[in-house]
């Protein structure tokens, strides 16, 4: 939903920071973040 909303504002990319050691890293990778 965030990606859709952001694209509607002309956003071309979403950037974020996390730690490789946290479950969030795999969550974001699973959701297509590189």
ModelCIF file with pLDDT and N, C-alpha, C, O atoms, coordinates in Angstrom:
data_MODEL
#
_entry.id   MODEL 
#
_entity.id                         1 
_entity.type                       polymer 
_entity.pdbx_number_of_molecules   1 
#
_entity_poly.entity_id                      1 
_entity_poly.type                           'polypeptide(L)' 
_entity_poly.nstd_linkage                   no 
_entity_poly.nstd_monomer                   no 
_entity_poly.pdbx_seq_one_letter_code       
;(UNK)(UNK)(UNK)(UNK)(UNK)(UNK)(UNK)(UNK)(UNK)(UNK)(UNK)(UNK)(UNK)(UNK)(UNK)(UNK)
(UNK)(UNK)(UNK)(UNK)(UNK)(UNK)(UNK)(UNK)(UNK)(UNK)(UNK)(UNK)(UNK)(UNK)(UNK)(UNK)
(UNK)(UNK)
;
_entity_poly.pdbx_seq_one_letter_code_can   XXXXXXXXXXXXXXXXXXXXXXXXXXXXXXXXXX 
_entity_poly.pdbx_strand_id                 A 
#
loop_
_entity_poly_seq.entity_id 
_entity_poly_seq.num 
_entity_poly_seq.mon_id 
_entity_poly_seq.hetero 
1 1  UNK n 
1 2  UNK n 
1 3  UNK n 
1 4  UNK n 
1 5  UNK n 
1 6  UNK n 
1 7  UNK n 
1 8  UNK n 
1 9  UNK n 
1 10 UNK n 
1 11 UNK n 
1 12 UNK n 
1 13 UNK n 
1 14 UNK n 
1 15 UNK n 
1 16 UNK n 
1 17 UNK n 
1 18 UNK n 
1 19 UNK n 
1 20 UNK n 
1 21 UNK n 
1 22 UNK n 
1 23 UNK n 
1 24 UNK n 
1 25 UNK n 
1 26 UNK n 
1 27 UNK n 
1 28 UNK n 
1 29 UNK n 
1 30 UNK n 
1 31 UNK n 
1 32 UNK n 
1 33 UNK n 
1 34 UNK n 
#
_struct_asym.id          A 
_struct_asym.entity_id   1 
#
loop_
_ma_qa_metric.id 
_ma_qa_metric.mode 
_ma_qa_metric.name 
_ma_qa_metric.software_group_id 
_ma_qa_metric.type 
1 global pLDDT . pLDDT 
2 local  pLDDT . pLDDT 
#
_ma_qa_metric_global.metric_id      1 
_ma_qa_metric_global.metric_value   92.00 
_ma_qa_metric_global.model_id       1 
_ma_qa_metric_global.ordinal_id     1 
#
loop_
_ma_qa_metric_local.label_asym_id 
_ma_qa_metric_local.label_comp_id 
_ma_qa_metric_local.label_seq_id 
_ma_qa_metric_local.metric_id 
_ma_qa_metric_local.metric_value 
_ma_qa_metric_local.model_id 
_ma_qa_metric_local.ordinal_id 
A UNK 1  2 96.00 1 1  
A UNK 2  2 96.00 1 2  
A UNK 3  2 96.00 1 3  
A UNK 4  2 96.00 1 4  
A UNK 5  2 95.00 1 5  
A UNK 6  2 95.00 1 6  
A UNK 7  2 96.00 1 7  
A UNK 8  2 95.00 1 8  
A UNK 9  2 94.00 1 9  
A UNK 10 2 95.00 1 10 
A UNK 11 2 96.00 1 11 
A UNK 12 2 95.00 1 12 
A UNK 13 2 93.00 1 13 
A UNK 14 2 95.00 1 14 
A UNK 15 2 92.00 1 15 
A UNK 16 2 91.00 1 16 
A UNK 17 2 89.00 1 17 
A UNK 18 2 88.00 1 18 
A UNK 19 2 85.00 1 19 
A UNK 20 2 87.00 1 20 
A UNK 21 2 86.00 1 21 
A UNK 22 2 87.00 1 22 
A UNK 23 2 87.00 1 23 
A UNK 24 2 90.00 1 24 
A UNK 25 2 90.00 1 25 
A UNK 26 2 90.00 1 26 
A UNK 27 2 89.00 1 27 
A UNK 28 2 90.00 1 28 
A UNK 29 2 93.00 1 29 
A UNK 30 2 94.00 1 30 
A UNK 31 2 92.00 1 31 
A UNK 32 2 92.00 1 32 
A UNK 33 2 91.00 1 33 
A UNK 34 2 92.00 1 34 
#
loop_
_atom_site.group_PDB 
_atom_site.id 
_atom_site.type_symbol 
_atom_site.label_atom_id 
_atom_site.label_alt_id 
_atom_site.label_comp_id 
_atom_site.label_asym_id 
_atom_site.label_entity_id 
_atom_site.label_seq_id 
_atom_site.pdbx_PDB_ins_code 
_atom_site.Cartn_x 
_atom_site.Cartn_y 
_atom_site.Cartn_z 
_atom_site.occupancy 
_atom_site.B_iso_or_equiv 
_atom_site.pdbx_formal_charge 
_atom_site.auth_seq_id 
_atom_site.auth_comp_id 
_atom_site.auth_asym_id 
_atom_site.auth_atom_id 
_atom_site.pdbx_PDB_model_num 
ATOM 1   N N  . UNK A 1 1  ? 0.831  -1.203  0.000  1.00 96.00 ? 1  UNK A N  1 
ATOM 2   C CA . UNK A 1 1  ? 0.000  0.000   0.000  1.00 96.00 ? 1  UNK A CA 1 
ATOM 3   C C  . UNK A 1 1  ? 0.868  1.258   0.000  1.00 96.00 ? 1  UNK A C  1 
ATOM 4   O O  . UNK A 1 1  ? 0.565  2.219   -0.707 1.00 96.00 ? 1  UNK A O  1 
ATOM 5   N N  . UNK A 1 2  ? 1.945  1.259   0.787  1.00 96.00 ? 2  UNK A N  1 
ATOM 6   C CA . UNK A 1 2  ? 2.860  2.402   0.842  1.00 96.00 ? 2  UNK A CA 1 
ATOM 7   C C  . UNK A 1 2  ? 3.474  2.651   -0.530 1.00 96.00 ? 2  UNK A C  1 
ATOM 8   O O  . UNK A 1 2  ? 3.561  3.797   -0.971 1.00 96.00 ? 2  UNK A O  1 
ATOM 9   N N  . UNK A 1 3  ? 3.896  1.599   -1.201 1.00 96.00 ? 3  UNK A N  1 
ATOM 10  C CA . UNK A 1 3  ? 4.493  1.740   -2.528 1.00 96.00 ? 3  UNK A CA 1 
ATOM 11  C C  . UNK A 1 3  ? 3.504  2.379   -3.502 1.00 96.00 ? 3  UNK A C  1 
ATOM 12  O O  . UNK A 1 3  ? 3.881  3.241   -4.296 1.00 96.00 ? 3  UNK A O  1 
ATOM 13  N N  . UNK A 1 4  ? 2.255  1.961   -3.443 1.00 96.00 ? 4  UNK A N  1 
ATOM 14  C CA . UNK A 1 4  ? 1.223  2.525   -4.315 1.00 96.00 ? 4  UNK A CA 1 
ATOM 15  C C  . UNK A 1 4  ? 0.984  3.995   -3.999 1.00 96.00 ? 4  UNK A C  1 
ATOM 16  O O  . UNK A 1 4  ? 0.908  4.827   -4.903 1.00 96.00 ? 4  UNK A O  1 
ATOM 17  N N  . UNK A 1 5  ? 0.866  4.312   -2.707 1.00 95.00 ? 5  UNK A N  1 
ATOM 18  C CA . UNK A 1 5  ? 0.643  5.708   -2.299 1.00 95.00 ? 5  UNK A CA 1 
ATOM 19  C C  . UNK A 1 5  ? 1.815  6.574   -2.726 1.00 95.00 ? 5  UNK A C  1 
ATOM 20  O O  . UNK A 1 5  ? 1.623  7.654   -3.285 1.00 95.00 ? 5  UNK A O  1 
ATOM 21  N N  . UNK A 1 6  ? 3.043  6.098   -2.461 1.00 95.00 ? 6  UNK A N  1 
ATOM 22  C CA . UNK A 1 6  ? 4.236  6.874   -2.794 1.00 95.00 ? 6  UNK A CA 1 
ATOM 23  C C  . UNK A 1 6  ? 4.324  7.121   -4.299 1.00 95.00 ? 6  UNK A C  1 
ATOM 24  O O  . UNK A 1 6  ? 4.648  8.228   -4.728 1.00 95.00 ? 6  UNK A O  1 
ATOM 25  N N  . UNK A 1 7  ? 4.042  6.108   -5.091 1.00 96.00 ? 7  UNK A N  1 
ATOM 26  C CA . UNK A 1 7  ? 4.074  6.266   -6.552 1.00 96.00 ? 7  UNK A CA 1 
ATOM 27  C C  . UNK A 1 7  ? 3.087  7.344   -6.995 1.00 96.00 ? 7  UNK A C  1 
ATOM 28  O O  . UNK A 1 7  ? 3.348  8.070   -7.955 1.00 96.00 ? 7  UNK A O  1 
ATOM 29  N N  . UNK A 1 8  ? 1.972  7.447   -6.308 1.00 95.00 ? 8  UNK A N  1 
ATOM 30  C CA . UNK A 1 8  ? 0.983  8.474   -6.613 1.00 95.00 ? 8  UNK A CA 1 
ATOM 31  C C  . UNK A 1 8  ? 1.491  9.885   -6.355 1.00 95.00 ? 8  UNK A C  1 
ATOM 32  O O  . UNK A 1 8  ? 0.948  10.847  -6.899 1.00 95.00 ? 8  UNK A O  1 
ATOM 33  N N  . UNK A 1 9  ? 2.520  10.018  -5.535 1.00 94.00 ? 9  UNK A N  1 
ATOM 34  C CA . UNK A 1 9  ? 3.151  11.307  -5.260 1.00 94.00 ? 9  UNK A CA 1 
ATOM 35  C C  . UNK A 1 9  ? 4.374  11.531  -6.155 1.00 94.00 ? 9  UNK A C  1 
ATOM 36  O O  . UNK A 1 9  ? 5.127  12.484  -5.954 1.00 94.00 ? 9  UNK A O  1 
ATOM 37  N N  . UNK A 1 10 ? 4.567  10.660  -7.131 1.00 95.00 ? 10 UNK A N  1 
ATOM 38  C CA . UNK A 1 10 ? 5.697  10.812  -8.041 1.00 95.00 ? 10 UNK A CA 1 
ATOM 39  C C  . UNK A 1 10 ? 6.986  10.193  -7.533 1.00 95.00 ? 10 UNK A C  1 
ATOM 40  O O  . UNK A 1 10 ? 8.049  10.400  -8.118 1.00 95.00 ? 10 UNK A O  1 
ATOM 41  N N  . UNK A 1 11 ? 6.899  9.436   -6.452 1.00 96.00 ? 11 UNK A N  1 
ATOM 42  C CA . UNK A 1 11 ? 8.090  8.794   -5.896 1.00 96.00 ? 11 UNK A CA 1 
ATOM 43  C C  . UNK A 1 11 ? 8.534  7.681   -6.839 1.00 96.00 ? 11 UNK A C  1 
ATOM 44  O O  . UNK A 1 11 ? 7.724  6.877   -7.299 1.00 96.00 ? 11 UNK A O  1 
ATOM 45  N N  . UNK A 1 12 ? 9.836  7.650   -7.118 1.00 95.00 ? 12 UNK A N  1 
ATOM 46  C CA . UNK A 1 12 ? 10.396 6.667   -8.039 1.00 95.00 ? 12 UNK A CA 1 
ATOM 47  C C  . UNK A 1 12 ? 11.082 5.510   -7.323 1.00 95.00 ? 12 UNK A C  1 
ATOM 48  O O  . UNK A 1 12 ? 11.315 4.463   -7.927 1.00 95.00 ? 12 UNK A O  1 
ATOM 49  N N  . UNK A 1 13 ? 11.410 5.683   -6.042 1.00 93.00 ? 13 UNK A N  1 
ATOM 50  C CA . UNK A 1 13 ? 12.086 4.623   -5.289 1.00 93.00 ? 13 UNK A CA 1 
ATOM 51  C C  . UNK A 1 13 ? 11.868 4.843   -3.804 1.00 93.00 ? 13 UNK A C  1 
ATOM 52  O O  . UNK A 1 13 ? 11.702 5.975   -3.350 1.00 93.00 ? 13 UNK A O  1 
ATOM 53  N N  . UNK A 1 14 ? 11.871 3.752   -3.052 1.00 95.00 ? 14 UNK A N  1 
ATOM 54  C CA . UNK A 1 14 ? 11.818 3.817   -1.586 1.00 95.00 ? 14 UNK A CA 1 
ATOM 55  C C  . UNK A 1 14 ? 13.161 3.334   -1.068 1.00 95.00 ? 14 UNK A C  1 
ATOM 56  O O  . UNK A 1 14 ? 13.657 2.281   -1.467 1.00 95.00 ? 14 UNK A O  1 
ATOM 57  N N  . UNK A 1 15 ? 13.736 4.117   -0.179 1.00 92.00 ? 15 UNK A N  1 
ATOM 58  C CA . UNK A 1 15 ? 15.023 3.801   0.415  1.00 92.00 ? 15 UNK A CA 1 
ATOM 59  C C  . UNK A 1 15 ? 14.832 3.597   1.916  1.00 92.00 ? 15 UNK A C  1 
ATOM 60  O O  . UNK A 1 15 ? 14.020 4.279   2.542  1.00 92.00 ? 15 UNK A O  1 
ATOM 61  N N  . UNK A 1 16 ? 15.576 2.664   2.488  1.00 91.00 ? 16 UNK A N  1 
ATOM 62  C CA . UNK A 1 16 ? 15.497 2.429   3.931  1.00 91.00 ? 16 UNK A CA 1 
ATOM 63  C C  . UNK A 1 16 ? 16.806 1.833   4.422  1.00 91.00 ? 16 UNK A C  1 
ATOM 64  O O  . UNK A 1 16 ? 17.608 1.334   3.632  1.00 91.00 ? 16 UNK A O  1 
ATOM 65  N N  . UNK A 1 17 ? 17.013 1.888   5.718  1.00 89.00 ? 17 UNK A N  1 
ATOM 66  C CA . UNK A 1 17 ? 18.178 1.284   6.357  1.00 89.00 ? 17 UNK A CA 1 
ATOM 67  C C  . UNK A 1 17 ? 17.714 0.287   7.397  1.00 89.00 ? 17 UNK A C  1 
ATOM 68  O O  . UNK A 1 17 ? 16.748 0.536   8.118  1.00 89.00 ? 17 UNK A O  1 
ATOM 69  N N  . UNK A 1 18 ? 18.394 -0.831  7.476  1.00 88.00 ? 18 UNK A N  1 
ATOM 70  C CA . UNK A 1 18 ? 18.148 -1.823  8.517  1.00 88.00 ? 18 UNK A CA 1 
ATOM 71  C C  . UNK A 1 18 ? 19.434 -2.601  8.733  1.00 88.00 ? 18 UNK A C  1 
ATOM 72  O O  . UNK A 1 18 ? 20.418 -2.384  8.025  1.00 88.00 ? 18 UNK A O  1 
ATOM 73  N N  . UNK A 1 19 ? 19.436 -3.486  9.682  1.00 85.00 ? 19 UNK A N  1 
ATOM 74  C CA . UNK A 1 19 ? 20.605 -4.313  9.975  1.00 85.00 ? 19 UNK A CA 1 
ATOM 75  C C  . UNK A 1 19 ? 20.431 -5.700  9.365  1.00 85.00 ? 19 UNK A C  1 
ATOM 76  O O  . UNK A 1 19 ? 19.342 -6.273  9.404  1.00 85.00 ? 19 UNK A O  1 
ATOM 77  N N  . UNK A 1 20 ? 21.502 -6.226  8.808  1.00 87.00 ? 20 UNK A N  1 
ATOM 78  C CA . UNK A 1 20 ? 21.469 -7.589  8.263  1.00 87.00 ? 20 UNK A CA 1 
ATOM 79  C C  . UNK A 1 20 ? 21.143 -8.614  9.346  1.00 87.00 ? 20 UNK A C  1 
ATOM 80  O O  . UNK A 1 20 ? 20.666 -9.707  9.041  1.00 87.00 ? 20 UNK A O  1 
ATOM 81  N N  . UNK A 1 21 ? 21.395 -8.271  10.603 1.00 86.00 ? 21 UNK A N  1 
ATOM 82  C CA . UNK A 1 21 ? 21.218 -9.209  11.714 1.00 86.00 ? 21 UNK A CA 1 
ATOM 83  C C  . UNK A 1 21 ? 19.772 -9.316  12.188 1.00 86.00 ? 21 UNK A C  1 
ATOM 84  O O  . UNK A 1 21 ? 19.442 -10.202 12.977 1.00 86.00 ? 21 UNK A O  1 
ATOM 85  N N  . UNK A 1 22 ? 18.917 -8.430  11.717 1.00 87.00 ? 22 UNK A N  1 
ATOM 86  C CA . UNK A 1 22 ? 17.538 -8.386  12.203 1.00 87.00 ? 22 UNK A CA 1 
ATOM 87  C C  . UNK A 1 22 ? 16.574 -9.072  11.242 1.00 87.00 ? 22 UNK A C  1 
ATOM 88  O O  . UNK A 1 22 ? 16.831 -9.126  10.039 1.00 87.00 ? 22 UNK A O  1 
ATOM 89  N N  . UNK A 1 23 ? 15.464 -9.599  11.765 1.00 87.00 ? 23 UNK A N  1 
ATOM 90  C CA . UNK A 1 23 ? 14.443 -10.193 10.890 1.00 87.00 ? 23 UNK A CA 1 
ATOM 91  C C  . UNK A 1 23 ? 13.922 -9.204  9.842  1.00 87.00 ? 23 UNK A C  1 
ATOM 92  O O  . UNK A 1 23 ? 13.471 -9.612  8.772  1.00 87.00 ? 23 UNK A O  1 
ATOM 93  N N  . UNK A 1 24 ? 13.986 -7.908  10.150 1.00 90.00 ? 24 UNK A N  1 
ATOM 94  C CA . UNK A 1 24 ? 13.513 -6.898  9.196  1.00 90.00 ? 24 UNK A CA 1 
ATOM 95  C C  . UNK A 1 24 ? 14.279 -6.993  7.880  1.00 90.00 ? 24 UNK A C  1 
ATOM 96  O O  . UNK A 1 24 ? 13.707 -6.740  6.820  1.00 90.00 ? 24 UNK A O  1 
ATOM 97  N N  . UNK A 1 25 ? 15.548 -7.348  7.925  1.00 90.00 ? 25 UNK A N  1 
ATOM 98  C CA . UNK A 1 25 ? 16.357 -7.467  6.707  1.00 90.00 ? 25 UNK A CA 1 
ATOM 99  C C  . UNK A 1 25 ? 15.717 -8.465  5.750  1.00 90.00 ? 25 UNK A C  1 
ATOM 100 O O  . UNK A 1 25 ? 15.515 -8.165  4.574  1.00 90.00 ? 25 UNK A O  1 
ATOM 101 N N  . UNK A 1 26 ? 15.400 -9.645  6.254  1.00 90.00 ? 26 UNK A N  1 
ATOM 102 C CA . UNK A 1 26 ? 14.774 -10.667 5.410  1.00 90.00 ? 26 UNK A CA 1 
ATOM 103 C C  . UNK A 1 26 ? 13.363 -10.271 4.991  1.00 90.00 ? 26 UNK A C  1 
ATOM 104 O O  . UNK A 1 26 ? 12.929 -10.603 3.888  1.00 90.00 ? 26 UNK A O  1 
ATOM 105 N N  . UNK A 1 27 ? 12.644 -9.566  5.857  1.00 89.00 ? 27 UNK A N  1 
ATOM 106 C CA . UNK A 1 27 ? 11.310 -9.076  5.517  1.00 89.00 ? 27 UNK A CA 1 
ATOM 107 C C  . UNK A 1 27 ? 11.385 -8.161  4.302  1.00 89.00 ? 27 UNK A C  1 
ATOM 108 O O  . UNK A 1 27 ? 10.630 -8.336  3.346  1.00 89.00 ? 27 UNK A O  1 
ATOM 109 N N  . UNK A 1 28 ? 12.289 -7.189  4.332  1.00 90.00 ? 28 UNK A N  1 
ATOM 110 C CA . UNK A 1 28 ? 12.403 -6.259  3.219  1.00 90.00 ? 28 UNK A CA 1 
ATOM 111 C C  . UNK A 1 28 ? 12.876 -6.968  1.955  1.00 90.00 ? 28 UNK A C  1 
ATOM 112 O O  . UNK A 1 28 ? 12.375 -6.676  0.869  1.00 90.00 ? 28 UNK A O  1 
ATOM 113 N N  . UNK A 1 29 ? 13.822 -7.885  2.070  1.00 93.00 ? 29 UNK A N  1 
ATOM 114 C CA . UNK A 1 29 ? 14.296 -8.641  0.902  1.00 93.00 ? 29 UNK A CA 1 
ATOM 115 C C  . UNK A 1 29 ? 13.135 -9.436  0.298  1.00 93.00 ? 29 UNK A C  1 
ATOM 116 O O  . UNK A 1 29 ? 12.972 -9.476  -0.921 1.00 93.00 ? 29 UNK A O  1 
ATOM 117 N N  . UNK A 1 30 ? 12.333 -10.065 1.156  1.00 94.00 ? 30 UNK A N  1 
ATOM 118 C CA . UNK A 1 30 ? 11.172 -10.835 0.700  1.00 94.00 ? 30 UNK A CA 1 
ATOM 119 C C  . UNK A 1 30 ? 10.189 -9.952  -0.063 1.00 94.00 ? 30 UNK A C  1 
ATOM 120 O O  . UNK A 1 30 ? 9.489  -10.420 -0.961 1.00 94.00 ? 30 UNK A O  1 
ATOM 121 N N  . UNK A 1 31 ? 10.143 -8.682  0.299  1.00 92.00 ? 31 UNK A N  1 
ATOM 122 C CA . UNK A 1 31 ? 9.225  -7.741  -0.331 1.00 92.00 ? 31 UNK A CA 1 
ATOM 123 C C  . UNK A 1 31 ? 9.843  -6.990  -1.509 1.00 92.00 ? 31 UNK A C  1 
ATOM 124 O O  . UNK A 1 31 ? 9.315  -5.967  -1.947 1.00 92.00 ? 31 UNK A O  1 
ATOM 125 N N  . UNK A 1 32 ? 10.972 -7.505  -2.022 1.00 92.00 ? 32 UNK A N  1 
ATOM 126 C CA . UNK A 1 32 ? 11.539 -6.967  -3.251 1.00 92.00 ? 32 UNK A CA 1 
ATOM 127 C C  . UNK A 1 32 ? 12.579 -5.876  -3.095 1.00 92.00 ? 32 UNK A C  1 
ATOM 128 O O  . UNK A 1 32 ? 13.013 -5.302  -4.093 1.00 92.00 ? 32 UNK A O  1 
ATOM 129 N N  . UNK A 1 33 ? 12.988 -5.574  -1.881 1.00 91.00 ? 33 UNK A N  1 
ATOM 130 C CA . UNK A 1 33 ? 14.004 -4.548  -1.663 1.00 91.00 ? 33 UNK A CA 1 
ATOM 131 C C  . UNK A 1 33 ? 15.378 -5.179  -1.812 1.00 91.00 ? 33 UNK A C  1 
ATOM 132 O O  . UNK A 1 33 ? 15.628 -6.280  -1.321 1.00 91.00 ? 33 UNK A O  1 
ATOM 133 N N  . UNK A 1 34 ? 16.264 -4.467  -2.495 1.00 92.00 ? 34 UNK A N  1 
ATOM 134 C CA . UNK A 1 34 ? 17.593 -4.989  -2.783 1.00 92.00 ? 34 UNK A CA 1 
ATOM 135 C C  . UNK A 1 34 ? 18.648 -4.252  -1.976 1.00 92.00 ? 34 UNK A C  1 
ATOM 136 O O  . UNK A 1 34 ? 19.835 -4.556  -2.088 1.00 92.00 ? 34 UNK A O  1 
#
